[in-house]
Amino acid sequence: MRKWHRWLAVVFGAFLVWIAITGVLSQVVPWFVPRPQVSAAALPAGFVCPETMTCRPRPSGPNLVGTLHHLHSGESFGPLGVFVATLSGLAMVFFSLSGLWMYVRMWRNRAARKLKPGWFWN
């Protein structure tokens, strides 16, 4: 399992860093960049918002958060980008489970050898 964990980390490491950075930026950018103002004139003529919904027109011009979302999900790179982003997400699940499995295995080996008890060791 450790061999798979290491090799997949080499292959998907850069993609996971990209996904992590763009994900964090898509959450942090709205704190510092004001939302573009949208006027009521941007609504199409004859548009009536249903009573059960709150309707807002889309802002015109560049949308930084939307761009970051497309980079984060891989949509900016086409179907291959979405596929790689999906594989990277699956790899992250694998890393979480295999890391936990390796830790529990090391912990059990340590307990079986009657070494100093504890969850963490040097």
C-alpha atoms as a PDB file:
ATOM      1  CA  MET A   1       0.000   0.000   0.000  1.00  0.00           C
ATOM      2  CA  ARG A   2       2.841   2.374   0.805  1.00  0.00           C
ATOM      3  CA  LYS A   3       4.270   1.888  -2.699  1.00  0.00           C
ATOM      4  CA  TRP A   4       0.930   2.846  -4.312  1.00  0.00           C
ATOM      5  CA  HIS A   5       0.567   5.772  -1.934  1.00  0.00           C
ATOM      6  CA  ARG A   6       3.980   7.142  -2.931  1.00  0.00           C
ATOM      7  CA  TRP A   7       3.621   6.633  -6.697  1.00  0.00           C
ATOM      8  CA  LEU A   8       0.177   8.184  -6.846  1.00  0.00           C
ATOM      9  CA  ALA A   9       1.488  11.116  -4.822  1.00  0.00           C
ATOM     10  CA  VAL A  10       4.171  11.666  -7.452  1.00  0.00           C
ATOM     11  CA  VAL A  11       1.630  11.542 -10.293  1.00  0.00           C
ATOM     12  CA  PHE A  12      -1.183  13.575  -8.721  1.00  0.00           C
ATOM     13  CA  GLY A  13       0.782  15.843  -6.371  1.00  0.00           C
ATOM     14  CA  ALA A  14       0.953  18.832  -8.726  1.00  0.00           C
ATOM     15  CA  PHE A  15      -2.727  18.505  -9.662  1.00  0.00           C
ATOM     16  CA  LEU A  16      -3.766  18.361  -6.005  1.00  0.00           C
ATOM     17  CA  VAL A  17      -1.701  21.463  -5.217  1.00  0.00           C
ATOM     18  CA  TRP A  18      -3.390  23.265  -8.151  1.00  0.00           C
ATOM     19  CA  ILE A  19      -6.842  22.206  -6.943  1.00  0.00           C
ATOM     20  CA  ALA A  20      -6.041  23.232  -3.367  1.00  0.00           C
ATOM     21  CA  ILE A  21      -4.720  26.677  -4.357  1.00  0.00           C
ATOM     22  CA  THR A  22      -7.592  27.508  -6.714  1.00  0.00           C
ATOM     23  CA  GLY A  23     -10.112  26.227  -4.162  1.00  0.00           C
ATOM     24  CA  VAL A  24      -8.688  28.404  -1.405  1.00  0.00           C
ATOM     25  CA  LEU A  25      -8.497  31.423  -3.708  1.00  0.00           C
ATOM     26  CA  SER A  26     -12.111  30.968  -4.787  1.00  0.00           C
ATOM     27  CA  GLN A  27     -13.110  31.203  -1.130  1.00  0.00           C
ATOM     28  CA  VAL A  28     -10.761  34.040  -0.127  1.00  0.00           C
ATOM     29  CA  VAL A  29     -11.035  36.346  -3.159  1.00  0.00           C
ATOM     30  CA  PRO A  30     -14.639  37.428  -2.396  1.00  0.00           C
ATOM     31  CA  TRP A  31     -13.408  38.805   0.945  1.00  0.00           C
ATOM     32  CA  PHE A  32     -11.133  41.322  -0.806  1.00  0.00           C
ATOM     33  CA  VAL A  33     -12.655  41.911  -4.246  1.00  0.00           C
ATOM     34  CA  PRO A  34     -15.972  43.767  -4.245  1.00  0.00           C
ATOM     35  CA  ARG A  35     -18.844  42.266  -6.200  1.00  0.00           C
ATOM     36  CA  PRO A  36     -19.618  44.021  -9.459  1.00  0.00           C
ATOM     37  CA  GLN A  37     -22.706  46.193  -9.292  1.00  0.00           C
ATOM     38  CA  VAL A  38     -25.624  44.993 -11.383  1.00  0.00           C
ATOM     39  CA  SER A  39     -28.370  47.313 -12.500  1.00  0.00           C
ATOM     40  CA  ALA A  40     -32.003  46.359 -12.908  1.00  0.00           C
ATOM     41  CA  ALA A  41     -31.685  47.409 -16.554  1.00  0.00           C
ATOM     42  CA  ALA A  42     -29.597  44.247 -17.133  1.00  0.00           C
ATOM     43  CA  LEU A  43     -32.754  42.118 -16.906  1.00  0.00           C
ATOM     44  CA  PRO A  44     -34.189  40.968 -20.229  1.00  0.00           C
ATOM     45  CA  ALA A  45     -37.288  42.800 -21.395  1.00  0.00           C
ATOM     46  CA  GLY A  46     -40.473  41.130 -20.206  1.00  0.00           C
ATOM     47  CA  PHE A  47     -38.722  39.040 -17.547  1.00  0.00           C
ATOM     48  CA  VAL A  48     -40.809  38.402 -14.442  1.00  0.00           C
ATOM     49  CA  CYS A  49     -39.192  36.761 -11.430  1.00  0.00           C
ATOM     50  CA  PRO A  50     -41.310  33.946  -9.926  1.00  0.00           C
ATOM     51  CA  GLU A  51     -42.706  34.776  -6.487  1.00  0.00           C
ATOM     52  CA  THR A  52     -40.941  31.837  -4.848  1.00  0.00           C
ATOM     53  CA  MET A  53     -37.486  32.897  -6.070  1.00  0.00           C
ATOM     54  CA  THR A  54     -35.073  35.764  -5.626  1.00  0.00           C
ATOM     55  CA  CYS A  55     -33.763  36.716  -9.042  1.00  0.00           C
ATOM     56  CA  ARG A  56     -30.573  38.612  -9.685  1.00  0.00           C
ATOM     57  CA  PRO A  57     -29.114  39.372 -13.096  1.00  0.00           C
ATOM     58  CA  ARG A  58     -25.639  38.091 -13.814  1.00  0.00           C
ATOM     59  CA  PRO A  59     -22.903  40.679 -13.560  1.00  0.00           C
ATOM     60  CA  SER A  60     -21.367  41.702 -16.833  1.00  0.00           C
ATOM     61  CA  GLY A  61     -17.643  41.705 -17.386  1.00  0.00           C
ATOM     62  CA  PRO A  62     -14.964  39.475 -15.904  1.00  0.00           C
ATOM     63  CA  ASN A  63     -15.938  37.447 -12.870  1.00  0.00           C
ATOM     64  CA  LEU A  64     -12.838  36.443 -10.911  1.00  0.00           C
ATOM     65  CA  VAL A  65     -14.603  33.926  -8.667  1.00  0.00           C
ATOM     66  CA  GLY A  66     -16.204  32.231 -11.682  1.00  0.00           C
ATOM     67  CA  THR A  67     -12.830  32.038 -13.405  1.00  0.00           C
ATOM     68  CA  LEU A  68     -11.269  30.493 -10.302  1.00  0.00           C
ATOM     69  CA  HIS A  69     -14.106  27.955 -10.139  1.00  0.00           C
ATOM     70  CA  HIS A  70     -13.502  26.933 -13.752  1.00  0.00           C
ATOM     71  CA  LEU A  71      -9.774  26.554 -13.048  1.00  0.00           C
ATOM     72  CA  HIS A  72     -10.502  24.615  -9.842  1.00  0.00           C
ATOM     73  CA  SER A  73     -12.855  22.150 -11.517  1.00  0.00           C
ATOM     74  CA  GLY A  74     -10.719  21.748 -14.648  1.00  0.00           C
ATOM     75  CA  GLU A  75     -13.466  23.113 -16.906  1.00  0.00           C
ATOM     76  CA  SER A  76     -11.049  25.665 -18.360  1.00  0.00           C
ATOM     77  CA  PHE A  77      -9.025  22.807 -19.842  1.00  0.00           C
ATOM     78  CA  GLY A  78     -11.927  21.004 -21.489  1.00  0.00           C
ATOM     79  CA  PRO A  79     -13.084  17.412 -20.925  1.00  0.00           C
ATOM     80  CA  LEU A  80      -9.537  16.245 -20.226  1.00  0.00           C
ATOM     81  CA  GLY A  81      -9.206  18.850 -17.457  1.00  0.00           C
ATOM     82  CA  VAL A  82     -12.462  17.728 -15.838  1.00  0.00           C
ATOM     83  CA  PHE A  83     -11.304  14.099 -16.095  1.00  0.00           C
ATOM     84  CA  VAL A  84      -7.945  14.882 -14.465  1.00  0.00           C
ATOM     85  CA  ALA A  85      -9.665  16.913 -11.730  1.00  0.00           C
ATOM     86  CA  THR A  86     -12.023  14.001 -11.055  1.00  0.00           C
ATOM     87  CA  LEU A  87      -9.122  11.534 -10.926  1.00  0.00           C
ATOM     88  CA  SER A  88      -7.290  13.900  -8.572  1.00  0.00           C
ATOM     89  CA  GLY A  89     -10.311  13.969  -6.276  1.00  0.00           C
ATOM     90  CA  LEU A  90     -10.426  10.183  -6.278  1.00  0.00           C
ATOM     91  CA  ALA A  91      -6.688  10.113  -5.588  1.00  0.00           C
ATOM     92  CA  MET A  92      -7.262  12.377  -2.570  1.00  0.00           C
ATOM     93  CA  VAL A  93      -9.818   9.899  -1.224  1.00  0.00           C
ATOM     94  CA  PHE A  94      -7.287   7.101  -1.782  1.00  0.00           C
ATOM     95  CA  PHE A  95      -4.543   9.087   0.002  1.00  0.00           C
ATOM     96  CA  SER A  96      -6.812   9.661   2.986  1.00  0.00           C
ATOM     97  CA  LEU A  97      -7.805   6.013   3.310  1.00  0.00           C
ATOM     98  CA  SER A  98      -4.375   4.533   2.568  1.00  0.00           C
ATOM     99  CA  GLY A  99      -2.678   6.993   4.952  1.00  0.00           C
ATOM    100  CA  LEU A 100      -5.088   6.036   7.710  1.00  0.00           C
ATOM    101  CA  TRP A 101      -4.597   2.337   6.924  1.00  0.00           C
ATOM    102  CA  MET A 102      -0.776   2.673   7.073  1.00  0.00           C
ATOM    103  CA  TYR A 103      -0.979   4.612  10.345  1.00  0.00           C
ATOM    104  CA  VAL A 104      -3.237   2.015  11.999  1.00  0.00           C
ATOM    105  CA  ARG A 105      -0.936  -0.749  10.781  1.00  0.00           C
ATOM    106  CA  MET A 106       2.157   0.980  12.245  1.00  0.00           C
ATOM    107  CA  TRP A 107       0.271   1.651  15.491  1.00  0.00           C
ATOM    108  CA  ARG A 108      -0.745  -2.022  15.787  1.00  0.00           C
ATOM    109  CA  ASN A 109       2.818  -3.184  15.085  1.00  0.00           C
ATOM    110  CA  ARG A 110       4.096  -0.856  17.769  1.00  0.00           C
ATOM    111  CA  ALA A 111       1.503  -2.102  20.260  1.00  0.00           C
ATOM    112  CA  ALA A 112       2.304  -5.738  19.420  1.00  0.00           C
ATOM    113  CA  ARG A 113       6.001  -5.158  20.174  1.00  0.00           C
ATOM    114  CA  LYS A 114       5.014  -3.724  23.601  1.00  0.00           C
ATOM    115  CA  LEU A 115       6.749  -0.439  22.966  1.00  0.00           C
ATOM    116  CA  LYS A 116       5.822   2.843  24.602  1.00  0.00           C
ATOM    117  CA  PRO A 117       2.041   3.187  24.260  1.00  0.00           C
ATOM    118  CA  GLY A 118       0.503   6.229  22.637  1.00  0.00           C
ATOM    119  CA  TRP A 119      -1.068   7.528  19.474  1.00  0.00           C
ATOM    120  CA  PHE A 120       2.067   9.360  18.316  1.00  0.00           C
ATOM    121  CA  TRP A 121       5.732   8.445  18.464  1.00  0.00           C
ATOM    122  CA  ASN A 122       9.108   9.760  17.341  1.00  0.00           C
END
